[in-house]
C-alpha atoms as a PDB file:
ATOM      1  CA  MET A   1      18.947 291.871 192.574  1.00  0.00           C
ATOM      2  CA  THR A   2      17.222 288.821 191.110  1.00  0.00           C
ATOM      3  CA  GLY A   3      18.894 287.369 188.554  1.00  0.00           C
ATOM      4  CA  TYR A   4      16.550 287.782 185.738  1.00  0.00           C
ATOM      5  CA  GLY A   5      15.674 291.232 186.449  1.00  0.00           C
ATOM      6  CA  TRP A   6      11.956 290.903 186.536  1.00  0.00           C
ATOM      7  CA  GLU A   7      10.872 292.402 189.646  1.00  0.00           C
ATOM      8  CA  ARG A   8      10.236 295.994 188.332  1.00  0.00           C
ATOM      9  CA  GLU A   9       7.760 294.199 186.442  1.00  0.00           C
ATOM     10  CA  VAL A  10       6.365 292.117 188.588  1.00  0.00           C
ATOM     11  CA  ALA A  11       5.863 295.072 190.901  1.00  0.00           C
ATOM     12  CA  ALA A  12       3.651 296.964 188.587  1.00  0.00           C
ATOM     13  CA  ARG A  13       1.388 293.815 188.462  1.00  0.00           C
ATOM     14  CA  LEU A  14       1.142 293.463 192.219  1.00  0.00           C
ATOM     15  CA  GLY A  15       1.515 297.305 193.189  1.00  0.00           C
ATOM     16  CA  SER A  16       4.331 296.481 195.575  1.00  0.00           C
ATOM     17  CA  SER A  17       7.896 296.285 195.161  1.00  0.00           C
ATOM     18  CA  VAL A  18       8.866 294.341 198.443  1.00  0.00           C
ATOM     19  CA  GLU A  19       6.124 291.713 197.700  1.00  0.00           C
ATOM     20  CA  ALA A  20       7.396 291.249 193.588  1.00  0.00           C
ATOM     21  CA  ARG A  21      11.047 291.249 195.664  1.00  0.00           C
ATOM     22  CA  TRP A  22       9.962 288.014 197.470  1.00  0.00           C
ATOM     23  CA  VAL A  23       7.822 286.190 194.913  1.00  0.00           C
ATOM     24  CA  VAL A  24      10.832 286.600 192.676  1.00  0.00           C
ATOM     25  CA  GLU A  25      13.555 285.247 194.916  1.00  0.00           C
ATOM     26  CA  GLN A  26      10.836 282.111 196.056  1.00  0.00           C
ATOM     27  CA  ALA A  27      10.532 281.568 192.513  1.00  0.00           C
ATOM     28  CA  GLU A  28      14.165 281.763 191.739  1.00  0.00           C
ATOM     29  CA  ALA A  29      15.176 279.895 194.751  1.00  0.00           C
ATOM     30  CA  THR A  30      13.661 276.450 193.285  1.00  0.00           C
ATOM     31  CA  GLY A  31      16.353 276.529 190.606  1.00  0.00           C
ATOM     32  CA  GLY A  32      16.205 275.792 186.673  1.00  0.00           C
ATOM     33  CA  GLY A  33      16.166 278.023 183.578  1.00  0.00           C
ATOM     34  CA  GLU A  34      14.979 281.226 182.536  1.00  0.00           C
ATOM     35  CA  GLY A  35      11.636 279.353 181.155  1.00  0.00           C
ATOM     36  CA  SER A  36      10.883 277.611 183.949  1.00  0.00           C
ATOM     37  CA  VAL A  37      11.191 280.119 186.390  1.00  0.00           C
ATOM     38  CA  ARG A  38       9.436 282.431 184.609  1.00  0.00           C
ATOM     39  CA  ALA A  39       6.522 280.137 184.643  1.00  0.00           C
ATOM     40  CA  ARG A  40       6.950 280.089 188.794  1.00  0.00           C
ATOM     41  CA  VAL A  41       6.915 283.727 188.812  1.00  0.00           C
ATOM     42  CA  ASP A  42       3.673 283.859 187.088  1.00  0.00           C
ATOM     43  CA  ARG A  43       2.005 281.315 188.914  1.00  0.00           C
ATOM     44  CA  LEU A  44       2.881 282.868 191.830  1.00  0.00           C
ATOM     45  CA  VAL A  45       1.545 286.439 190.446  1.00  0.00           C
ATOM     46  CA  ASP A  46      -1.668 284.744 189.522  1.00  0.00           C
ATOM     47  CA  ALA A  47      -2.192 283.230 192.946  1.00  0.00           C
ATOM     48  CA  ARG A  48      -1.468 286.580 194.145  1.00  0.00           C
ATOM     49  CA  LEU A  49      -3.754 288.507 192.131  1.00  0.00           C
ATOM     50  CA  GLY A  50      -6.566 286.377 193.049  1.00  0.00           C
ATOM     51  CA  GLY A  51      -6.332 286.761 196.451  1.00  0.00           C
ATOM     52  CA  GLU A  52      -4.165 284.103 198.036  1.00  0.00           C
ATOM     53  CA  PRO A  53      -2.264 285.845 201.009  1.00  0.00           C
ATOM     54  CA  LEU A  54       1.045 286.204 200.473  1.00  0.00           C
ATOM     55  CA  GLN A  55       2.220 283.735 203.406  1.00  0.00           C
ATOM     56  CA  TYR A  56       0.487 280.979 201.061  1.00  0.00           C
ATOM     57  CA  VAL A  57       1.792 281.942 197.858  1.00  0.00           C
ATOM     58  CA  LEU A  58       5.117 281.882 199.071  1.00  0.00           C
ATOM     59  CA  GLY A  59       4.829 278.880 201.197  1.00  0.00           C
ATOM     60  CA  GLU A  60       7.028 279.974 203.880  1.00  0.00           C
ATOM     61  CA  TRP A  61       7.174 282.604 206.638  1.00  0.00           C
ATOM     62  CA  SER A  62       9.091 283.871 209.577  1.00  0.00           C
ATOM     63  CA  PHE A  63       7.988 283.186 213.058  1.00  0.00           C
ATOM     64  CA  ARG A  64      10.576 284.487 215.752  1.00  0.00           C
ATOM     65  CA  SER A  65      13.460 282.743 214.602  1.00  0.00           C
ATOM     66  CA  LEU A  66      12.207 279.780 212.222  1.00  0.00           C
ATOM     67  CA  GLU A  67      11.791 279.456 208.537  1.00  0.00           C
ATOM     68  CA  LEU A  68       8.137 277.247 208.857  1.00  0.00           C
ATOM     69  CA  SER A  69       6.245 276.283 205.791  1.00  0.00           C
ATOM     70  CA  VAL A  70       2.696 277.480 205.457  1.00  0.00           C
ATOM     71  CA  ASP A  71       0.049 277.178 203.446  1.00  0.00           C
ATOM     72  CA  ARG A  72      -4.005 276.519 203.590  1.00  0.00           C
ATOM     73  CA  ARG A  73      -3.827 273.427 206.228  1.00  0.00           C
ATOM     74  CA  ALA A  74      -3.408 275.742 208.987  1.00  0.00           C
ATOM     75  CA  LEU A  75      -3.797 279.388 210.246  1.00  0.00           C
ATOM     76  CA  ILE A  76      -0.819 282.007 208.989  1.00  0.00           C
ATOM     77  CA  PRO A  77       1.504 282.444 212.066  1.00  0.00           C
ATOM     78  CA  ARG A  78       1.106 286.124 212.985  1.00  0.00           C
ATOM     79  CA  PRO A  79       3.322 288.837 215.432  1.00  0.00           C
ATOM     80  CA  GLU A  80       0.432 288.756 218.151  1.00  0.00           C
ATOM     81  CA  THR A  81       1.349 285.024 218.804  1.00  0.00           C
ATOM     82  CA  GLU A  82       5.275 285.846 218.806  1.00  0.00           C
ATOM     83  CA  GLN A  83       3.898 287.945 221.902  1.00  0.00           C
ATOM     84  CA  VAL A  84       2.274 285.249 223.456  1.00  0.00           C
ATOM     85  CA  VAL A  85       5.217 282.813 223.017  1.00  0.00           C
ATOM     86  CA  GLU A  86       7.315 285.454 224.798  1.00  0.00           C
ATOM     87  CA  ALA A  87       4.881 285.357 228.058  1.00  0.00           C
ATOM     88  CA  ALA A  88       4.920 282.078 227.792  1.00  0.00           C
ATOM     89  CA  LEU A  89       8.425 281.033 227.572  1.00  0.00           C
ATOM     90  CA  ALA A  90       8.583 283.703 230.541  1.00  0.00           C
ATOM     91  CA  GLU A  91       6.348 281.927 232.512  1.00  0.00           C
ATOM     92  CA  VAL A  92       8.401 278.766 232.379  1.00  0.00           C
ATOM     93  CA  HIS A  93      12.177 281.001 232.929  1.00  0.00           C
ATOM     94  CA  PRO A  94      12.632 279.467 236.249  1.00  0.00           C
ATOM     95  CA  VAL A  95      11.536 275.816 235.799  1.00  0.00           C
ATOM     96  CA  ARG A  96      14.022 273.114 234.713  1.00  0.00           C
ATOM     97  CA  ASP A  97      13.094 270.836 232.076  1.00  0.00           C
ATOM     98  CA  PRO A  98      10.091 272.486 231.800  1.00  0.00           C
ATOM     99  CA  VAL A  99       6.987 270.199 230.413  1.00  0.00           C
ATOM    100  CA  VAL A 100       4.860 272.419 227.853  1.00  0.00           C
ATOM    101  CA  VAL A 101       1.642 271.705 225.970  1.00  0.00           C
ATOM    102  CA  ASP A 102       0.575 273.258 223.254  1.00  0.00           C
ATOM    103  CA  LEU A 103      -3.158 273.117 222.443  1.00  0.00           C
ATOM    104  CA  GLY A 104      -4.368 273.573 218.919  1.00  0.00           C
ATOM    105  CA  THR A 105      -0.716 273.490 217.191  1.00  0.00           C
ATOM    106  CA  GLY A 106      -1.617 274.136 213.541  1.00  0.00           C
ATOM    107  CA  SER A 107       1.509 274.841 212.071  1.00  0.00           C
ATOM    108  CA  GLY A 108       3.421 273.748 215.094  1.00  0.00           C
ATOM    109  CA  ALA A 109       4.810 277.564 215.081  1.00  0.00           C
ATOM    110  CA  VAL A 110       4.524 277.954 219.267  1.00  0.00           C
ATOM    111  CA  ALA A 111       5.435 274.603 219.725  1.00  0.00           C
ATOM    112  CA  LEU A 112       8.757 274.583 217.740  1.00  0.00           C
ATOM    113  CA  SER A 113       9.441 278.242 218.989  1.00  0.00           C
ATOM    114  CA  ILE A 114       9.402 277.151 222.664  1.00  0.00           C
ATOM    115  CA  ALA A 115      11.244 273.489 221.840  1.00  0.00           C
ATOM    116  CA  THR A 116      13.967 275.745 220.055  1.00  0.00           C
ATOM    117  CA  GLU A 117      14.362 278.495 222.359  1.00  0.00           C
ATOM    118  CA  ARG A 118      14.157 276.681 225.918  1.00  0.00           C
ATOM    119  CA  PRO A 119      16.056 273.495 224.730  1.00  0.00           C
ATOM    120  CA  ASP A 120      15.726 271.645 228.214  1.00  0.00           C
ATOM    121  CA  ALA A 121      11.986 271.205 227.458  1.00  0.00           C
ATOM    122  CA  LEU A 122       9.676 268.480 226.663  1.00  0.00           C
ATOM    123  CA  VAL A 123       6.827 270.018 224.217  1.00  0.00           C
ATOM    124  CA  TRP A 124       3.347 267.901 223.617  1.00  0.00           C
ATOM    125  CA  ALA A 125       1.376 269.673 220.857  1.00  0.00           C
ATOM    126  CA  THR A 126      -1.855 268.341 219.802  1.00  0.00           C
ATOM    127  CA  ASP A 127      -4.408 269.188 216.823  1.00  0.00           C
ATOM    128  CA  VAL A 128      -7.784 267.976 216.067  1.00  0.00           C
ATOM    129  CA  ASP A 129      -7.226 268.641 212.444  1.00  0.00           C
ATOM    130  CA  PRO A 130      -5.195 265.712 210.617  1.00  0.00           C
ATOM    131  CA  GLU A 131      -3.720 267.946 208.100  1.00  0.00           C
ATOM    132  CA  ALA A 132      -2.523 270.775 210.347  1.00  0.00           C
ATOM    133  CA  LEU A 133      -0.934 268.318 212.093  1.00  0.00           C
ATOM    134  CA  ALA A 134       1.033 267.187 208.903  1.00  0.00           C
ATOM    135  CA  LEU A 135       2.286 270.596 208.237  1.00  0.00           C
ATOM    136  CA  ALA A 136       3.181 270.765 211.869  1.00  0.00           C
ATOM    137  CA  GLY A 137       5.000 267.039 211.034  1.00  0.00           C
ATOM    138  CA  GLU A 138       6.778 268.657 208.596  1.00  0.00           C
ATOM    139  CA  ASN A 139       7.908 272.166 210.145  1.00  0.00           C
ATOM    140  CA  LEU A 140       8.977 269.680 212.451  1.00  0.00           C
ATOM    141  CA  GLU A 141      11.697 268.269 210.389  1.00  0.00           C
ATOM    142  CA  ARG A 142      12.561 271.739 208.567  1.00  0.00           C
ATOM    143  CA  VAL A 143      13.436 273.116 212.227  1.00  0.00           C
ATOM    144  CA  ASP A 144      15.394 270.048 213.147  1.00  0.00           C
ATOM    145  CA  ARG A 145      17.608 270.299 210.213  1.00  0.00           C
ATOM    146  CA  ASP A 146      18.884 273.588 212.105  1.00  0.00           C
ATOM    147  CA  THR A 147      18.091 272.970 215.367  1.00  0.00           C
ATOM    148  CA  PRO A 148      19.267 268.786 215.692  1.00  0.00           C
ATOM    149  CA  GLY A 149      17.579 267.367 218.253  1.00  0.00           C
ATOM    150  CA  VAL A 150      14.462 269.270 218.262  1.00  0.00           C
ATOM    151  CA  VAL A 151      12.425 266.370 216.747  1.00  0.00           C
ATOM    152  CA  ARG A 152      13.229 264.070 219.978  1.00  0.00           C
ATOM    153  CA  ARG A 153      11.873 266.733 221.896  1.00  0.00           C
ATOM    154  CA  VAL A 154       8.385 267.224 220.397  1.00  0.00           C
ATOM    155  CA  ARG A 155       5.558 265.015 220.277  1.00  0.00           C
ATOM    156  CA  LEU A 156       2.803 265.841 217.874  1.00  0.00           C
ATOM    157  CA  LEU A 157      -0.856 264.028 218.520  1.00  0.00           C
ATOM    158  CA  GLY A 158      -4.004 264.169 216.996  1.00  0.00           C
ATOM    159  CA  GLY A 159      -7.267 265.079 218.948  1.00  0.00           C
ATOM    160  CA  SER A 160      -9.346 267.709 220.671  1.00  0.00           C
ATOM    161  CA  TRP A 161      -7.524 269.826 223.141  1.00  0.00           C
ATOM    162  CA  PHE A 162      -6.133 267.813 225.997  1.00  0.00           C
ATOM    163  CA  ASP A 163      -8.049 264.253 224.926  1.00  0.00           C
ATOM    164  CA  PRO A 164      -4.795 263.092 223.315  1.00  0.00           C
ATOM    165  CA  LEU A 165      -2.498 263.311 226.383  1.00  0.00           C
ATOM    166  CA  PRO A 166      -1.321 260.452 227.901  1.00  0.00           C
ATOM    167  CA  VAL A 167      -2.785 259.959 231.335  1.00  0.00           C
ATOM    168  CA  GLU A 168       0.970 260.349 232.914  1.00  0.00           C
ATOM    169  CA  LEU A 169       1.380 263.753 232.339  1.00  0.00           C
ATOM    170  CA  ALA A 170      -1.495 264.759 234.678  1.00  0.00           C
ATOM    171  CA  GLY A 171      -0.064 267.069 237.117  1.00  0.00           C
ATOM    172  CA  ARG A 172       3.187 267.116 235.712  1.00  0.00           C
ATOM    173  CA  VAL A 173       2.580 270.013 232.712  1.00  0.00           C
ATOM    174  CA  ASP A 174       4.415 273.330 233.803  1.00  0.00           C
ATOM    175  CA  LEU A 175       2.931 275.303 230.967  1.00  0.00           C
ATOM    176  CA  VAL A 176      -0.053 274.689 228.953  1.00  0.00           C
ATOM    177  CA  VAL A 177      -0.181 277.558 225.549  1.00  0.00           C
ATOM    178  CA  SER A 178      -2.965 277.888 223.567  1.00  0.00           C
ATOM    179  CA  ASN A 179      -4.017 280.157 220.205  1.00  0.00           C
ATOM    180  CA  PRO A 180      -7.355 278.971 219.930  1.00  0.00           C
ATOM    181  CA  PRO A 181      -9.946 279.825 217.258  1.00  0.00           C
ATOM    182  CA  TYR A 182     -11.474 282.632 218.853  1.00  0.00           C
ATOM    183  CA  VAL A 183     -13.369 284.207 216.177  1.00  0.00           C
ATOM    184  CA  SER A 184     -17.303 284.399 216.300  1.00  0.00           C
ATOM    185  CA  GLU A 185     -19.285 283.338 213.041  1.00  0.00           C
ATOM    186  CA  ALA A 186     -21.133 286.992 213.187  1.00  0.00           C
ATOM    187  CA  GLU A 187     -17.714 288.356 212.873  1.00  0.00           C
ATOM    188  CA  TRP A 188     -16.580 285.788 210.373  1.00  0.00           C
ATOM    189  CA  GLY A 189     -18.225 287.473 207.687  1.00  0.00           C
ATOM    190  CA  ARG A 190     -16.832 290.833 208.038  1.00  0.00           C
ATOM    191  CA  LEU A 191     -13.239 289.261 207.976  1.00  0.00           C
ATOM    192  CA  ASP A 192     -10.953 290.143 205.060  1.00  0.00           C
ATOM    193  CA  PRO A 193     -11.124 288.020 202.087  1.00  0.00           C
ATOM    194  CA  GLU A 194      -7.828 286.840 202.483  1.00  0.00           C
ATOM    195  CA  VAL A 195      -8.290 286.155 206.035  1.00  0.00           C
ATOM    196  CA  ARG A 196     -11.310 284.068 204.827  1.00  0.00           C
ATOM    197  CA  ARG A 197      -8.733 281.643 202.574  1.00  0.00           C
ATOM    198  CA  GLU A 198      -7.467 280.363 206.002  1.00  0.00           C
ATOM    199  CA  PRO A 199      -9.042 277.262 207.846  1.00  0.00           C
ATOM    200  CA  VAL A 200     -12.376 278.247 209.082  1.00  0.00           C
ATOM    201  CA  GLY A 201     -12.305 275.706 211.927  1.00  0.00           C
ATOM    202  CA  ALA A 202      -9.049 277.114 213.116  1.00  0.00           C
ATOM    203  CA  LEU A 203     -10.421 281.093 213.181  1.00  0.00           C
ATOM    204  CA  VAL A 204     -14.130 280.344 214.174  1.00  0.00           C
ATOM    205  CA  ALA A 205     -15.523 278.985 217.757  1.00  0.00           C
ATOM    206  CA  GLY A 206     -18.984 279.294 219.367  1.00  0.00           C
ATOM    207  CA  ALA A 207     -19.640 281.172 222.116  1.00  0.00           C
ATOM    208  CA  GLY A 208     -18.252 280.470 226.094  1.00  0.00           C
ATOM    209  CA  SER A 209     -21.087 279.137 228.273  1.00  0.00           C
ATOM    210  CA  ASP A 210     -21.353 282.911 229.659  1.00  0.00           C
ATOM    211  CA  GLY A 211     -22.750 283.723 226.153  1.00  0.00           C
ATOM    212  CA  THR A 212     -19.307 285.732 225.034  1.00  0.00           C
ATOM    213  CA  PRO A 213     -18.867 285.145 221.389  1.00  0.00           C
ATOM    214  CA  GLY A 214     -16.088 283.074 220.320  1.00  0.00           C
ATOM    215  CA  LEU A 215     -15.078 282.279 223.391  1.00  0.00           C
ATOM    216  CA  ALA A 216     -15.654 278.526 223.100  1.00  0.00           C
ATOM    217  CA  GLY A 217     -12.091 277.294 222.332  1.00  0.00           C
ATOM    218  CA  VAL A 218     -10.858 279.750 225.445  1.00  0.00           C
ATOM    219  CA  GLU A 219     -13.063 278.252 227.447  1.00  0.00           C
ATOM    220  CA  ALA A 220     -11.756 274.774 226.725  1.00  0.00           C
ATOM    221  CA  VAL A 221      -8.561 275.454 227.405  1.00  0.00           C
ATOM    222  CA  LEU A 222      -9.052 276.970 230.513  1.00  0.00           C
ATOM    223  CA  CYS A 223     -11.641 274.960 231.891  1.00  0.00           C
ATOM    224  CA  GLY A 224      -9.236 271.659 231.109  1.00  0.00           C
ATOM    225  CA  ALA A 225      -6.478 272.612 232.228  1.00  0.00           C
ATOM    226  CA  GLY A 226      -6.359 271.950 236.074  1.00  0.00           C
ATOM    227  CA  ARG A 227      -5.916 268.375 235.437  1.00  0.00           C
ATOM    228  CA  TRP A 228      -3.021 268.560 234.022  1.00  0.00           C
ATOM    229  CA  LEU A 229      -1.206 271.103 235.622  1.00  0.00           C
ATOM    230  CA  ALA A 230       1.707 270.980 238.081  1.00  0.00           C
ATOM    231  CA  ARG A 231       1.941 273.479 240.942  1.00  0.00           C
ATOM    232  CA  PRO A 232       2.844 275.890 240.541  1.00  0.00           C
ATOM    233  CA  ALA A 233       2.410 276.104 236.751  1.00  0.00           C
ATOM    234  CA  ALA A 234       0.854 278.204 234.035  1.00  0.00           C
ATOM    235  CA  VAL A 235      -1.700 278.715 231.244  1.00  0.00           C
ATOM    236  CA  VAL A 236      -1.029 280.907 228.081  1.00  0.00           C
ATOM    237  CA  VAL A 237      -4.262 281.846 226.103  1.00  0.00           C
ATOM    238  CA  GLU A 238      -4.684 283.955 223.101  1.00  0.00           C
ATOM    239  CA  MET A 239      -7.782 285.505 222.506  1.00  0.00           C
ATOM    240  CA  ALA A 240      -9.427 288.854 221.086  1.00  0.00           C
ATOM    241  CA  PRO A 241      -9.497 292.101 223.107  1.00  0.00           C
ATOM    242  CA  HIS A 242     -12.903 292.238 223.630  1.00  0.00           C
ATOM    243  CA  GLN A 243     -12.719 288.361 225.535  1.00  0.00           C
ATOM    244  CA  ILE A 244     -10.094 289.279 228.115  1.00  0.00           C
ATOM    245  CA  GLY A 245     -12.482 290.359 230.583  1.00  0.00           C
ATOM    246  CA  ALA A 246     -14.579 287.169 230.381  1.00  0.00           C
ATOM    247  CA  ALA A 247     -11.820 285.024 230.066  1.00  0.00           C
ATOM    248  CA  THR A 248     -10.277 286.626 233.114  1.00  0.00           C
ATOM    249  CA  ALA A 249     -13.374 286.025 235.518  1.00  0.00           C
ATOM    250  CA  LEU A 250     -13.268 282.583 234.288  1.00  0.00           C
ATOM    251  CA  ALA A 251     -10.097 281.797 234.786  1.00  0.00           C
ATOM    252  CA  ARG A 252     -10.335 282.957 238.696  1.00  0.00           C
ATOM    253  CA  ARG A 253     -13.757 281.023 238.879  1.00  0.00           C
ATOM    254  CA  VAL A 254     -11.347 277.511 237.577  1.00  0.00           C
ATOM    255  CA  GLY A 255      -8.697 278.350 240.013  1.00  0.00           C
ATOM    256  CA  LEU A 256      -6.160 280.029 237.989  1.00  0.00           C
ATOM    257  CA  ASP A 257      -5.238 282.464 239.952  1.00  0.00           C
ATOM    258  CA  PRO A 258      -3.560 285.088 239.680  1.00  0.00           C
ATOM    259  CA  VAL A 259      -4.132 286.429 236.399  1.00  0.00           C
ATOM    260  CA  ARG A 260      -2.238 288.795 234.220  1.00  0.00           C
ATOM    261  CA  ILE A 261      -2.931 290.273 230.895  1.00  0.00           C
ATOM    262  CA  VAL A 262      -0.600 290.304 227.929  1.00  0.00           C
ATOM    263  CA  LYS A 263      -0.468 293.180 225.576  1.00  0.00           C
ATOM    264  CA  ASP A 264       0.461 292.768 222.219  1.00  0.00           C
ATOM    265  CA  LEU A 265       2.954 294.904 219.666  1.00  0.00           C
ATOM    266  CA  ALA A 266      -0.020 297.686 219.248  1.00  0.00           C
ATOM    267  CA  GLY A 267      -0.928 297.524 222.363  1.00  0.00           C
ATOM    268  CA  ARG A 268      -4.135 295.542 222.418  1.00  0.00           C
ATOM    269  CA  GLU A 269      -4.791 293.011 225.150  1.00  0.00           C
ATOM    270  CA  ARG A 270      -3.804 290.083 223.865  1.00  0.00           C
ATOM    271  CA  ALA A 271      -3.445 287.188 226.114  1.00  0.00           C
ATOM    272  CA  VAL A 272      -4.742 286.149 229.215  1.00  0.00           C
ATOM    273  CA  VAL A 273      -1.831 284.476 231.651  1.00  0.00           C
ATOM    274  CA  GLY A 274      -3.433 282.323 234.810  1.00  0.00           C
ATOM    275  CA  ARG A 275      -1.441 280.480 237.363  1.00  0.00           C
ATOM    276  CA  SER A 276      -1.729 277.472 239.346  1.00  0.00           C
ATOM    277  CA  GLY A 277      -1.693 277.281 243.165  1.00  0.00           C
ATOM    278  CA  PRO A 278       1.429 276.487 245.192  1.00  0.00           C
ATOM    279  CA  PRO A 279       2.276 272.738 246.195  1.00  0.00           C
END
């Protein structure tokens, strides 16, 4: 039970006892007297009633073992992407001191999860959006407070996809992982209004070269990986279920073989894993 006993009132306003508890706990965690806490509760409730995603209202969200800061600078970390991280970790399980590249890192959720769960990994994370990269930097500092040393093993770089990587990484990367934008422009207008509060550039992508809607970001990752991958190595890319067939064909066409498909917790095909060949 929270200190001031406001949960029932807030639950009635929000229509959810769970959200009410989270909102009140978040407001009270900041400290201060009853008046200032009440003012924070009201601000948070008003933002939620105004259509702001709960994660942005709270300002933080869980992803695997991490508590991350989240706001409008980057996508909200989702359970589907947690499964992508699981697949990525499986690919580098036998590799000692793996070199990992996370493309389009956003909040840093993927990169920081890999860095904390594989304490021998060196992780390079890129994003073209400086605001998202700033949020990832804040999360890197936050995670480092709980897992000292992570900050020395994660490199955040500004730029598009592979462009900012240092040339000496070419042929040395054991894993490329990405949750790129993969919503088509036509799909954007049909998304839930709360989802449309998230950054458009992190959600919406153009068509692939074969005309598949929303596949341009996935294609950039798959087609650009060859220069950077060690042999053997892997690429793990999240996408929409309806894009899996086109992405699988593309991965094979650019020499990533074998290819396997990862399903999310709902049983939907959610990611493609392609491997570079032997040395």
